[in-house]
């Protein structure tokens, strides 16, 4: 469904920027500029929701499998680095 809006109020600076963007060929028309402007926060909100979900998944995994201390993480990272170095060497 396409919603037609009769008017959108922009500051003079934004109106000038949009007009210049259309004139430069970066956008087909003002409608495309407005659509691009709405796409950015939409993408940002989706990325934030995905990030929050990944944090919740990680927390659930930690609750299920247990958490590692900083020292345990450091030991595992050093061991992984040593394995890679041994394969190269």
Protein backbone atom coordinates (compact mmCIF):
# COMPACT_ATOMS: atom_id res chain seq x y z
CA UNK A 1 0.00 0.00 0.00
CA UNK A 2 1.37 3.39 -0.96
CA UNK A 3 0.39 6.30 1.25
CA UNK A 4 0.32 9.65 -0.50
CA UNK A 5 1.19 12.58 1.71
CA UNK A 6 -0.01 15.98 0.66
CA UNK A 7 2.79 17.92 2.28
CA UNK A 8 5.91 17.52 4.33
CA UNK A 9 7.45 20.47 6.11
CA UNK A 10 11.23 20.70 5.96
CA UNK A 11 13.58 23.29 7.32
CA UNK A 12 14.97 25.56 4.60
CA UNK A 13 18.34 23.84 4.94
CA UNK A 14 16.86 20.35 4.49
CA UNK A 15 14.71 21.50 1.60
CA UNK A 16 17.77 22.97 -0.12
CA UNK A 17 19.80 19.81 0.53
CA UNK A 18 17.02 17.63 -0.90
CA UNK A 19 16.61 19.84 -3.97
CA UNK A 20 20.37 19.78 -4.58
CA UNK A 21 20.46 15.98 -4.18
CA UNK A 22 17.72 15.60 -6.80
CA UNK A 23 19.40 18.13 -9.13
CA UNK A 24 22.71 16.26 -8.79
CA UNK A 25 20.99 13.02 -9.77
CA UNK A 26 21.52 11.23 -6.47
CA UNK A 27 17.74 10.81 -6.17
CA UNK A 28 15.02 10.63 -8.80
CA UNK A 29 12.68 13.05 -7.02
CA UNK A 30 11.76 14.50 -3.63
CA UNK A 31 9.70 11.42 -2.79
CA UNK A 32 12.79 9.24 -3.13
CA UNK A 33 14.74 11.60 -0.83
CA UNK A 34 12.04 11.32 1.84
CA UNK A 35 11.90 7.53 1.46
CA UNK A 36 15.68 7.34 1.91
CA UNK A 37 15.38 9.49 5.01
CA UNK A 38 12.83 7.11 6.51
CA UNK A 39 14.79 4.01 5.54
CA UNK A 40 17.77 4.97 7.71
CA UNK A 41 15.98 4.95 11.08
CA UNK A 42 14.07 1.83 10.01
CA UNK A 43 17.36 0.00 9.35
CA UNK A 44 18.86 1.35 12.56
CA UNK A 45 15.93 0.11 14.63
CA UNK A 46 16.12 -3.33 12.98
CA UNK A 47 19.87 -3.55 13.66
CA UNK A 48 19.33 -2.54 17.28
CA UNK A 49 16.63 -5.18 17.71
CA UNK A 50 18.95 -7.80 16.19
CA UNK A 51 21.77 -6.75 18.53
CA UNK A 52 19.51 -6.88 21.60
CA UNK A 53 18.31 -10.34 20.54
CA UNK A 54 21.93 -11.52 20.21
CA UNK A 55 22.68 -10.22 23.71
CA UNK A 56 19.65 -12.06 25.06
CA UNK A 57 20.78 -15.24 23.27
CA UNK A 58 24.26 -14.87 24.74
CA UNK A 59 22.85 -14.36 28.23
CA UNK A 60 20.62 -17.42 27.86
CA UNK A 61 23.61 -19.46 26.66
CA UNK A 62 25.62 -18.28 29.65
CA UNK A 63 22.81 -19.24 32.01
CA UNK A 64 22.57 -22.64 30.34
CA UNK A 65 26.27 -23.43 29.88
CA UNK A 66 27.82 -21.31 32.60
CA UNK A 67 29.99 -18.24 32.47
CA UNK A 68 33.76 -18.04 32.15
CA UNK A 69 35.92 -15.83 34.32
CA UNK A 70 38.26 -13.33 32.73
CA UNK A 71 41.19 -15.59 33.62
CA UNK A 72 39.53 -18.56 31.90
CA UNK A 73 38.89 -16.52 28.77
CA UNK A 74 42.49 -15.31 28.78
CA UNK A 75 43.78 -18.89 29.12
CA UNK A 76 41.60 -20.09 26.24
CA UNK A 77 42.62 -17.20 23.99
CA UNK A 78 46.31 -17.77 24.68
CA UNK A 79 45.92 -21.48 23.95
CA UNK A 80 44.15 -20.72 20.65
CA UNK A 81 46.92 -18.30 19.67
CA UNK A 82 49.56 -20.91 20.53
CA UNK A 83 47.79 -23.52 18.37
CA UNK A 84 47.70 -21.16 15.40
CA UNK A 85 51.36 -20.23 15.90
CA UNK A 86 52.35 -23.92 16.10
CA UNK A 87 50.60 -24.67 12.80
CA UNK A 88 52.38 -21.81 11.09
CA UNK A 89 55.75 -22.52 12.58
